[in-house]
Amino acid sequence: MSDNLKKLLHKASKQFDLWDVFNDFLLLTATTIANNSDPCHTVTSKAEWAKREQRYLETIRKYDKNEQELFPQMFAELVKELENHSRVENFEDVLGKMFHELELHNKWKDQYFTPQHVSDMMGRMITNKDELAKRIKARGYVNLNEPCCGGGAMIYGFVNALRGYGFNHSKNCLIYASDIDERCVWMTYIQCSLYGLPAVVVQMDTLNLKQLGKPWYSPAYIWDMWRFRERSDACALV
């Protein structure tokens, strides 16, 4: 994980707990991506867009001017880190790894995220190149549903397998992810967005099928018009 990102998080935590700074970083980053990706409200309502914008402003105003300037720098460092994994064709749950390295799991509901190498192994185990090719040929893409996404490690394990078989992760895979913890929703949404994955991520109690928040749509989902592709498939299935 980027040492620069760690240093920036600690630098911003002089008057706030590191736990709170990390949470705020996730909220600010997710909102920045979401609201800038859909300024015309193609999939996100005006009311939800405004609600997120207001929450962003309330959060950033807690910090003084010098501290506020640290958050765009954190965002830049995260982008660099994810770009490094993209170059070697091995997507990784960088934020989940950071969560543990900062020892936040001791305070955050005792949560432990699956290591990426385990997720990569499982991604290979549950996929078959010929079966994937058959489904992609028939429909153009495959669906992946992750009902307890955490930081998204299992998603990236599947995507790494998909990429290893020669498929395009931005065109041949549509991701639905959910978690009961809002912070996990932000972590998965941020990384899916920056990895160029078409994804819909929502806060949900999966066991009770109770939706707790509005969906977060990744830029790839919005810009590649996935909502129309889904509608077309739904009509075809009916």
Foldseek 3Di string as FASTA:
>chain_A
DDPVLVVLLVVLPPVHHSLLSLLLLLLLLLLVQQCVLCVPPPPNDPVRNVVSVVVNVVSLVVGDPVNSVSSVVSVVVVLVVQVVCVVVLQGALPVLVVCVVVPVCVVVVVDHDDHLVVLLVVLQVVDDLVVLVVVCVVQVADEDEAEAQQLNSNVSSVLSNVVVSPDDQLGHYEYEYEHQDPSSLSNNQSSCQSSNHFYWYFYAPVVVRGGDGDIRTHSSVVVVVVVVSVVVVVVVVD
